[in-house]
């Protein structure tokens, strides 16, 4: 782990020095959606108001703090501790070795963060970054998190992501306040294709398989794996894919909630919401002037909506066209789990006193196991034309926007208590004003 030299305490904003002491309960009980930023305007209605101030973008430090709160790695996770079916081996569910600020089902970690602000469009990949901090060897502070995560930023464009301030791109109540100048908009994206592969592996590891309840038929050829999975009582495909979608969505929401709690501690305005058209965001708006994140998408007469699959070379779903078939995607997923840097490779550091022994005790997926998973996955793709078959390949739901509040708006229209002390003192403590 590369050493870093954080700024001296004297050079740090007062707000940063006070951040770690902010009470969790105050963040919980003081959380509100605070949408009116410096530079905003509400043109009509009982809250009509035009800010007297220009927008103030988040500083690099403020931006990194929000990002590291939403997707930063926080050390090596502890994996699933024990399952009698695998004893004396450790359960081998996880796909990522490090824990992040939000929980992930069985340590699958299939989501990543994108974000946009006045400086452009960015990618912040951390799911396979390993543990960028180590609580066993160092004190994990906001300053350390910022320094260790700074190098993860990858710029995709020097222009803010373009979303017209109108329906259908934004829901009507968001057209005046979302993605405005000065704001930071964070966009978590989940790879449901990879998450479904993880669940199919989880099922197979516990003796389960699936059947196609949409077409009311068993998966041809699955009977050859009767010694591994129960082919007589399989799970419905639609249940399994909803399982993947809802697990991943819970992770996206948890990442966003972590970011919103930090906004309270920092005294930034903003909120967690879902009022951006997800197809426009992922690149499937149908309008070439609104490319969103620039993801590839496909259409098919069997599908009611377009299906984004990823941005080539940046964030690619574990499915065609990025893999020639689902067998290749299964191989890639197994490599992520058992290869160098993976959670079940003995050379990957860990939190245990004997990390090589713990990691190395996991059973590696053999050829029969991978063939069983690949058969089911390929059936889904061949039958429905995409993977997963009944839910999107990639999914977004929640976003977080962060911005600097116009306190004059809240002082005029709200009773006392509309914002926290951290909001009242933010500019003085973070920008040396006042």
Protein backbone atom coordinates (compact mmCIF):
# COMPACT_ATOMS: atom_id res chain seq x y z
CA UNK A 1 0.00 0.00 0.00
CA UNK A 2 1.56 3.24 -1.13
CA UNK A 3 2.37 5.75 1.58
CA UNK A 4 0.76 9.17 1.40
CA UNK A 5 1.43 12.46 3.10
CA UNK A 6 -1.80 14.20 4.06
CA UNK A 7 -1.79 17.95 4.45
CA UNK A 8 -0.71 19.29 7.80
CA UNK A 9 -3.43 19.94 10.33
CA UNK A 10 -2.87 23.68 10.03
CA UNK A 11 -3.58 23.54 6.27
CA UNK A 12 -6.78 21.55 6.61
CA UNK A 13 -10.17 23.25 6.73
CA UNK A 14 -11.67 23.48 10.19
CA UNK A 15 -14.62 21.45 8.97
CA UNK A 16 -12.43 18.50 8.06
CA UNK A 17 -10.75 18.52 11.44
CA UNK A 18 -14.18 18.43 13.10
CA UNK A 19 -15.82 15.95 10.74
CA UNK A 20 -14.92 12.72 12.52
CA UNK A 21 -16.49 14.00 15.77
CA UNK A 22 -19.92 14.72 14.25
CA UNK A 23 -22.55 12.62 16.08
CA UNK A 24 -24.16 9.82 14.12
CA UNK A 25 -27.49 10.46 15.80
CA UNK A 26 -27.43 14.09 14.67
CA UNK A 27 -26.85 12.97 11.09
CA UNK A 28 -29.73 10.50 11.38
CA UNK A 29 -32.19 12.82 13.08
CA UNK A 30 -31.11 15.92 11.17
CA UNK A 31 -31.28 14.38 7.71
CA UNK A 32 -33.54 16.24 5.31
CA UNK A 33 -33.70 16.77 1.57
CA UNK A 34 -32.36 20.30 1.17
CA UNK A 35 -32.72 21.14 -2.50
CA UNK A 36 -32.22 24.90 -2.78
CA UNK A 37 -28.61 25.61 -3.72
CA UNK A 38 -26.68 28.81 -4.24
CA UNK A 39 -27.67 30.09 -7.69
CA UNK A 40 -31.05 28.32 -7.77
CA UNK A 41 -34.41 29.85 -8.61
CA UNK A 42 -38.00 28.83 -7.97
CA UNK A 43 -39.96 31.00 -10.41
CA UNK A 44 -43.47 30.61 -9.03
CA UNK A 45 -45.66 29.37 -6.21
CA UNK A 46 -45.58 30.03 -2.47
CA UNK A 47 -41.81 29.37 -2.31
CA UNK A 48 -40.88 31.54 -5.31
CA UNK A 49 -37.35 32.82 -4.79
CA UNK A 50 -34.23 33.70 -6.76
CA UNK A 51 -30.84 33.26 -5.15
CA UNK A 52 -28.72 36.41 -4.88
CA UNK A 53 -25.56 34.30 -5.13
CA UNK A 54 -23.56 32.52 -7.79
CA UNK A 55 -23.20 28.70 -7.59
CA UNK A 56 -20.20 27.46 -5.60
CA UNK A 57 -18.85 24.08 -6.76
CA UNK A 58 -17.68 21.53 -4.24
CA UNK A 59 -13.95 21.62 -3.66
CA UNK A 60 -11.85 18.60 -4.61
CA UNK A 61 -11.72 17.69 -0.92
CA UNK A 62 -15.49 17.93 -0.47
CA UNK A 63 -16.08 15.86 -3.60
CA UNK A 64 -13.69 13.12 -2.50
CA UNK A 65 -15.24 12.95 0.93
CA UNK A 66 -18.71 12.39 -0.55
CA UNK A 67 -17.39 9.77 -2.98
CA UNK A 68 -15.38 7.89 -0.38
CA UNK A 69 -18.44 7.86 1.89
CA UNK A 70 -20.56 6.36 -0.88
CA UNK A 71 -18.13 3.82 -2.32
CA UNK A 72 -14.81 3.88 -0.52
CA UNK A 73 -13.08 0.69 0.60
CA UNK A 74 -12.68 0.41 4.36
CA UNK A 75 -10.49 -2.65 4.84
CA UNK A 76 -10.79 -6.38 4.17
CA UNK A 77 -14.26 -7.79 4.73
CA UNK A 78 -14.77 -10.85 6.95
CA UNK A 79 -16.61 -13.00 4.39
CA UNK A 80 -19.30 -15.50 5.39
CA UNK A 81 -17.93 -16.99 8.58
CA UNK A 82 -19.32 -20.52 8.54
CA UNK A 83 -21.72 -22.88 6.74
CA UNK A 84 -22.09 -26.52 7.78
CA UNK A 85 -22.46 -27.60 4.15
CA UNK A 86 -18.88 -26.51 3.42
CA UNK A 87 -17.16 -27.38 6.70
CA UNK A 88 -14.27 -27.37 7.26
CA UNK A 89 -13.93 -24.97 4.30
CA UNK A 90 -14.94 -21.32 4.48
CA UNK A 91 -18.02 -20.32 2.49
CA UNK A 92 -16.92 -19.15 -0.94
CA UNK A 93 -19.69 -16.75 -1.95
CA UNK A 94 -17.88 -13.41 -2.12
CA UNK A 95 -16.62 -11.83 -5.33
CA UNK A 96 -14.75 -8.88 -3.83
CA UNK A 97 -12.14 -9.10 -1.09
CA UNK A 98 -12.52 -5.64 0.41
CA UNK A 99 -15.40 -4.16 2.30
CA UNK A 100 -16.84 -0.83 1.29
CA UNK A 101 -18.85 1.81 3.11
CA UNK A 102 -22.08 0.05 2.15
CA UNK A 103 -22.91 -3.65 2.66
CA UNK A 104 -23.12 -6.10 -0.23
CA UNK A 105 -25.00 -9.39 -0.31
CA UNK A 106 -22.44 -12.11 0.53
CA UNK A 107 -19.68 -9.72 -0.54
CA UNK A 108 -20.68 -9.86 -4.23
CA UNK A 109 -19.91 -6.15 -4.81
CA UNK A 110 -21.08 -5.69 -8.39
CA UNK A 111 -21.83 -1.93 -8.28
CA UNK A 112 -19.64 1.06 -9.15
CA UNK A 113 -20.01 4.84 -8.99
CA UNK A 114 -20.12 7.42 -11.75
CA UNK A 115 -20.40 11.13 -11.06
CA UNK A 116 -20.60 14.46 -12.80
CA UNK A 117 -19.95 18.07 -11.81
CA UNK A 118 -18.69 21.26 -13.42
CA UNK A 119 -15.35 19.55 -14.19
CA UNK A 120 -16.89 16.81 -16.33
CA UNK A 121 -18.03 13.19 -16.17
CA UNK A 122 -16.06 10.72 -14.05
CA UNK A 123 -15.82 7.07 -13.04
CA UNK A 124 -14.87 6.04 -9.48
CA UNK A 125 -14.18 2.27 -9.52
CA UNK A 126 -13.55 0.67 -6.13
CA UNK A 127 -15.14 -2.79 -6.14
CA UNK A 128 -11.84 -4.48 -7.06
CA UNK A 129 -9.48 -1.89 -5.63
CA UNK A 130 -8.62 -4.05 -2.62
CA UNK A 131 -8.41 -2.57 0.86
CA UNK A 132 -7.09 0.96 0.33
CA UNK A 133 -6.98 1.40 4.10
CA UNK A 134 -6.23 -1.18 6.81
CA UNK A 135 -7.80 -0.75 10.26
CA UNK A 136 -5.39 -3.38 11.62
CA UNK A 137 -2.39 -1.21 10.88
CA UNK A 138 -3.57 2.41 10.80
CA UNK A 139 -6.25 4.77 12.04
CA UNK A 140 -8.86 5.23 9.33
CA UNK A 141 -9.71 8.92 9.19
CA UNK A 142 -11.54 11.09 6.64
CA UNK A 143 -8.16 12.51 5.64
CA UNK A 144 -6.74 9.05 5.01
CA UNK A 145 -9.77 7.94 3.03
CA UNK A 146 -9.45 10.98 0.78
CA UNK A 147 -5.75 10.49 0.16
CA UNK A 148 -6.03 6.76 -0.56
CA UNK A 149 -9.00 7.11 -2.92
CA UNK A 150 -7.85 10.14 -4.86
CA UNK A 151 -6.07 8.04 -7.51
CA UNK A 152 -9.23 6.05 -8.28
CA UNK A 153 -10.82 8.96 -10.19
CA UNK A 154 -11.03 8.42 -13.95
CA UNK A 155 -12.25 11.26 -16.13
CA UNK A 156 -14.49 10.27 -19.03
CA UNK A 157 -15.34 13.74 -20.33
CA UNK A 158 -14.44 17.33 -19.51
CA UNK A 159 -18.09 18.37 -19.76
CA UNK A 160 -20.89 17.93 -17.24
CA UNK A 161 -23.30 15.15 -18.15
CA UNK A 162 -26.07 16.70 -20.20
CA UNK A 163 -29.67 16.16 -19.14
CA UNK A 164 -32.21 18.68 -20.45
CA UNK A 165 -34.04 20.33 -17.57
CA UNK A 166 -37.38 19.02 -18.76
CA UNK A 167 -39.54 15.94 -18.85
CA UNK A 168 -39.09 13.08 -19.69
CA UNK A 169 -35.39 13.35 -18.82
CA UNK A 170 -36.08 14.68 -15.33
CA UNK A 171 -39.27 14.30 -13.37
CA UNK A 172 -41.17 17.58 -13.36
CA UNK A 173 -40.43 18.42 -9.73
CA UNK A 174 -36.68 18.10 -10.39
CA UNK A 175 -36.32 20.25 -13.50
CA UNK A 176 -35.32 23.34 -11.49
CA UNK A 177 -32.81 21.76 -9.08
CA UNK A 178 -31.11 18.63 -10.48
CA UNK A 179 -27.62 18.65 -12.06
CA UNK A 180 -27.47 22.45 -11.74
CA UNK A 181 -24.18 24.39 -11.97
CA UNK A 182 -22.07 23.92 -8.87
CA UNK A 183 -23.67 20.59 -7.95
CA UNK A 184 -22.13 17.14 -7.66
CA UNK A 185 -24.35 14.33 -8.96
CA UNK A 186 -23.31 10.78 -7.98
CA UNK A 187 -24.71 7.85 -9.96
CA UNK A 188 -24.31 4.30 -8.57
CA UNK A 189 -24.75 1.57 -11.22
CA UNK A 190 -25.24 -2.15 -10.55
CA UNK A 191 -24.24 -4.98 -12.87
CA UNK A 192 -27.29 -7.22 -12.51
CA UNK A 193 -25.79 -9.72 -14.98
CA UNK A 194 -22.85 -10.33 -12.69
CA UNK A 195 -25.08 -10.30 -9.64
CA UNK A 196 -27.25 -12.99 -11.21
CA UNK A 197 -24.17 -15.11 -11.94
CA UNK A 198 -23.23 -14.74 -8.28
CA UNK A 199 -26.69 -15.93 -7.24
CA UNK A 200 -26.63 -18.87 -9.66
CA UNK A 201 -23.28 -19.83 -8.09
CA UNK A 202 -24.75 -19.37 -4.63
CA UNK A 203 -27.69 -21.59 -5.60
CA UNK A 204 -25.45 -24.31 -7.05
CA UNK A 205 -23.21 -24.22 -3.98
CA UNK A 206 -26.29 -24.96 -1.88
CA UNK A 207 -27.76 -27.58 -4.19
CA UNK A 208 -30.32 -25.42 -6.01
CA UNK A 209 -31.06 -24.78 -9.67
CA UNK A 210 -33.65 -22.80 -11.63
CA UNK A 211 -36.38 -23.46 -14.19
CA UNK A 212 -38.09 -21.21 -16.73
CA UNK A 213 -41.43 -20.31 -15.17
CA UNK A 214 -42.15 -17.79 -17.95
CA UNK A 215 -42.33 -20.59 -20.52
CA UNK A 216 -43.16 -23.31 -17.97
CA UNK A 217 -40.27 -25.62 -18.77
CA UNK A 218 -37.14 -27.07 -17.22
CA UNK A 219 -33.76 -26.07 -18.55
CA UNK A 220 -32.69 -28.70 -21.12
CA UNK A 221 -29.57 -30.62 -20.13
CA UNK A 222 -29.72 -29.69 -16.45
CA UNK A 223 -30.45 -33.30 -15.52
CA UNK A 224 -26.79 -34.17 -16.09
CA UNK A 225 -25.96 -32.14 -12.97
CA UNK A 226 -28.34 -34.03 -10.72
CA UNK A 227 -25.50 -34.94 -8.40
CA UNK A 228 -24.77 -31.25 -7.79
CA UNK A 229 -28.20 -29.57 -7.76
CA UNK A 230 -31.80 -30.57 -7.16
CA UNK A 231 -33.26 -30.74 -10.67
CA UNK A 232 -36.69 -31.85 -9.43
CA UNK A 233 -37.47 -28.82 -7.24
CA UNK A 234 -35.82 -25.83 -8.93
CA UNK A 235 -36.43 -22.15 -8.17
CA UNK A 236 -38.44 -20.02 -10.64
CA UNK A 237 -36.37 -17.89 -12.99
CA UNK A 238 -38.45 -14.77 -12.29
CA UNK A 239 -37.99 -15.17 -8.53
CA UNK A 240 -34.24 -15.57 -9.00
CA UNK A 241 -33.89 -12.50 -11.21
CA UNK A 242 -36.02 -10.39 -8.87
CA UNK A 243 -33.71 -11.62 -6.10
CA UNK A 244 -30.70 -10.25 -8.01
CA UNK A 245 -32.39 -6.95 -8.82
CA UNK A 246 -33.62 -6.25 -5.29
CA UNK A 247 -30.36 -7.24 -3.61
CA UNK A 248 -28.40 -4.95 -5.89
CA UNK A 249 -30.91 -2.12 -5.52
CA UNK A 250 -30.60 -2.33 -1.74
CA UNK A 251 -26.85 -1.83 -2.14
CA UNK A 252 -27.30 1.20 -4.39
CA UNK A 253 -29.69 2.72 -1.86
CA UNK A 254 -27.31 1.99 1.03
CA UNK A 255 -24.44 3.69 -0.80
CA UNK A 256 -26.63 6.74 -1.37
CA UNK A 257 -27.80 6.84 2.24
CA UNK A 258 -24.21 6.76 3.46
CA UNK A 259 -23.48 9.76 1.26
CA UNK A 260 -26.51 11.67 2.51
CA UNK A 261 -25.51 11.13 6.14
CA UNK A 262 -22.10 12.60 5.36
CA UNK A 263 -23.75 15.66 3.81
CA UNK A 264 -25.25 16.44 7.21
CA UNK A 265 -21.88 16.15 8.92
CA UNK A 266 -20.19 18.37 6.32
CA UNK A 267 -22.98 20.94 6.16
CA UNK A 268 -23.66 20.40 2.47
CA UNK A 269 -27.08 20.57 0.94
CA UNK A 270 -28.47 17.84 -1.26
CA UNK A 271 -30.57 14.74 -1.15
CA UNK A 272 -31.07 11.15 -2.28
CA UNK A 273 -33.64 10.65 -5.02
CA UNK A 274 -34.65 8.66 -8.08
CA UNK A 275 -36.28 11.32 -10.25
CA UNK A 276 -34.04 10.99 -13.33
CA UNK A 277 -35.15 8.81 -16.20
CA UNK A 278 -32.85 5.80 -15.91
CA UNK A 279 -32.83 5.10 -19.64
CA UNK A 280 -31.71 8.67 -20.36
CA UNK A 281 -29.01 8.35 -17.72
CA UNK A 282 -27.72 5.03 -19.06
CA UNK A 283 -27.60 6.20 -22.67
CA UNK A 284 -30.89 4.88 -24.02
CA UNK A 285 -32.85 8.14 -24.26
CA UNK A 286 -33.33 7.75 -28.00
CA UNK A 287 -32.01 11.30 -28.44
CA UNK A 288 -28.40 11.44 -29.74
CA UNK A 289 -28.00 14.84 -28.07
CA UNK A 290 -28.62 13.20 -24.67
CA UNK A 291 -26.04 10.38 -24.47
CA UNK A 292 -26.16 10.05 -20.68
CA UNK A 293 -23.35 7.84 -19.44
CA UNK A 294 -22.79 6.63 -22.99
CA UNK A 295 -23.65 3.00 -22.35
CA UNK A 296 -24.34 0.61 -25.19
CA UNK A 297 -27.91 -0.57 -25.35
CA UNK A 298 -29.92 -2.96 -27.50
CA UNK A 299 -33.58 -3.30 -28.43
CA UNK A 300 -35.61 -6.38 -29.24
CA UNK A 301 -39.27 -6.94 -30.06
CA UNK A 302 -39.42 -9.31 -27.08
CA UNK A 303 -38.53 -6.52 -24.65
CA UNK A 304 -40.74 -3.67 -23.54
CA UNK A 305 -37.77 -1.34 -22.94
CA UNK A 306 -34.20 -0.94 -24.25
CA UNK A 307 -31.51 -2.88 -22.41
CA UNK A 308 -28.20 -1.11 -21.57
CA UNK A 309 -25.25 -3.47 -21.10
CA UNK A 310 -22.30 -1.19 -20.32
CA UNK A 311 -19.77 1.35 -21.49
CA UNK A 312 -17.00 -0.50 -23.37
CA UNK A 313 -13.66 -0.39 -21.60
CA UNK A 314 -15.16 1.31 -18.57
CA UNK A 315 -18.03 -0.67 -17.04
CA UNK A 316 -19.05 -3.80 -18.89
CA UNK A 317 -21.80 -6.20 -17.85
CA UNK A 318 -20.85 -9.85 -17.36
CA UNK A 319 -22.65 -10.94 -20.51
CA UNK A 320 -22.48 -10.62 -24.31
CA UNK A 321 -21.34 -8.55 -26.15
CA UNK A 322 -18.44 -8.19 -23.69
CA UNK A 323 -18.04 -11.97 -23.47
CA UNK A 324 -18.56 -14.37 -26.37
CA UNK A 325 -20.97 -16.45 -24.32
CA UNK A 326 -22.07 -16.99 -20.74
CA UNK A 327 -19.48 -19.74 -20.19
CA UNK A 328 -16.79 -17.10 -20.71
CA UNK A 329 -18.58 -14.74 -18.31
CA UNK A 330 -18.70 -17.52 -15.69
CA UNK A 331 -14.96 -18.08 -16.16
CA UNK A 332 -14.33 -14.37 -15.67
CA UNK A 333 -16.48 -14.34 -12.55
CA UNK A 334 -14.60 -17.35 -11.14
CA UNK A 335 -11.32 -15.59 -11.86
CA UNK A 336 -12.52 -12.54 -9.97
CA UNK A 337 -13.25 -14.76 -6.97
CA UNK A 338 -10.30 -17.14 -7.01
CA UNK A 339 -7.63 -15.34 -9.03
CA UNK A 340 -4.98 -12.87 -7.81
CA UNK A 341 -6.54 -10.17 -5.65
CA UNK A 342 -9.73 -12.18 -5.25
CA UNK A 343 -11.30 -13.06 -1.89
CA UNK A 344 -10.27 -16.72 -2.12
CA UNK A 345 -6.70 -16.40 -3.34
CA UNK A 346 -4.19 -17.20 -0.59
CA UNK A 347 -1.94 -14.27 -1.56
CA UNK A 348 -4.69 -11.69 -1.06
CA UNK A 349 -4.15 -9.96 2.29
CA UNK A 350 -6.96 -10.15 4.80
CA UNK A 351 -8.28 -9.32 8.25
CA UNK A 352 -7.51 -12.70 9.84
CA UNK A 353 -4.41 -13.67 11.80
CA UNK A 354 -3.92 -16.45 9.23
CA UNK A 355 -5.36 -14.85 6.11
CA UNK A 356 -3.61 -17.19 3.64
CA UNK A 357 -4.98 -20.19 5.51
CA UNK A 358 -8.53 -18.82 5.67
CA UNK A 359 -8.67 -17.67 2.05
CA UNK A 360 -6.94 -20.78 0.77
CA UNK A 361 -9.43 -23.07 2.52
CA UNK A 362 -12.25 -22.16 0.12
CA UNK A 363 -13.21 -24.73 -2.49
CA UNK A 364 -12.49 -23.48 -5.99
CA UNK A 365 -15.31 -23.90 -8.53
CA UNK A 366 -14.43 -26.94 -10.63
CA UNK A 367 -15.28 -27.50 -14.29
CA UNK A 368 -18.52 -29.35 -13.51
CA UNK A 369 -19.71 -26.57 -11.24
CA UNK A 370 -18.94 -23.85 -13.79
CA UNK A 371 -20.61 -25.86 -16.56
CA UNK A 372 -23.78 -26.17 -14.48
CA UNK A 373 -23.94 -22.41 -13.87
CA UNK A 374 -23.06 -21.61 -17.49
CA UNK A 375 -25.76 -23.94 -18.84
CA UNK A 376 -28.45 -22.10 -16.89
CA UNK A 377 -27.08 -18.67 -17.76
CA UNK A 378 -26.75 -19.46 -21.46
CA UNK A 379 -30.29 -20.81 -21.53
CA UNK A 380 -31.55 -17.48 -20.20
CA UNK A 381 -29.61 -15.54 -22.83
CA UNK A 382 -30.66 -17.79 -25.70
CA UNK A 383 -34.31 -17.78 -24.65
CA UNK A 384 -34.80 -14.10 -23.86
CA UNK A 385 -32.07 -12.50 -25.98
CA UNK A 386 -30.37 -10.91 -23.01
CA UNK A 387 -28.99 -11.74 -19.59
CA UNK A 388 -30.77 -11.53 -17.21
CA UNK A 389 -33.91 -12.39 -19.14
CA UNK A 390 -36.70 -10.61 -17.24
CA UNK A 391 -34.93 -7.68 -15.54
CA UNK A 392 -32.37 -5.15 -16.86
CA UNK A 393 -28.74 -6.15 -17.42
CA UNK A 394 -27.59 -2.97 -15.67
CA UNK A 395 -29.64 -1.00 -13.19
CA UNK A 396 -29.72 2.37 -11.52
CA UNK A 397 -32.32 3.79 -9.18
CA UNK A 398 -31.03 6.24 -6.57
CA UNK A 399 -28.79 9.25 -7.04
CA UNK A 400 -27.17 11.67 -4.61
CA UNK A 401 -26.80 15.36 -5.34
CA UNK A 402 -24.57 17.51 -3.16
CA UNK A 403 -24.38 21.30 -3.32
CA UNK A 404 -23.89 24.41 -1.22
CA UNK A 405 -27.11 25.64 0.36
CA UNK A 406 -28.53 29.12 0.00
CA UNK A 407 -29.34 29.66 3.66
CA UNK A 408 -31.23 32.87 2.90
CA UNK A 409 -33.94 30.82 1.20
CA UNK A 410 -34.38 28.65 4.29
CA UNK A 411 -34.28 31.62 6.65
CA UNK A 412 -37.07 33.30 4.68
CA UNK A 413 -39.46 30.39 4.23
CA UNK A 414 -38.78 27.96 7.08
CA UNK A 415 -38.98 27.92 10.84
CA UNK A 416 -35.77 27.62 12.88
CA UNK A 417 -34.19 24.19 12.67
CA UNK A 418 -34.49 23.88 8.88
CA UNK A 419 -30.76 23.25 8.68
CA UNK A 420 -28.04 22.10 11.03
CA UNK A 421 -25.24 24.05 12.66
CA UNK A 422 -22.89 22.47 10.15
CA UNK A 423 -24.86 24.10 7.32
CA UNK A 424 -24.83 27.45 9.09
CA UNK A 425 -21.06 27.41 9.48
CA UNK A 426 -20.06 25.48 6.37
CA UNK A 427 -18.59 28.32 4.32
CA UNK A 428 -16.56 29.59 7.26
CA UNK A 429 -15.24 26.17 8.20
CA UNK A 430 -14.63 24.68 4.77
CA UNK A 431 -13.93 27.71 2.57
CA UNK A 432 -12.34 30.11 5.05
CA UNK A 433 -15.11 32.65 4.67
CA UNK A 434 -16.81 34.58 7.41
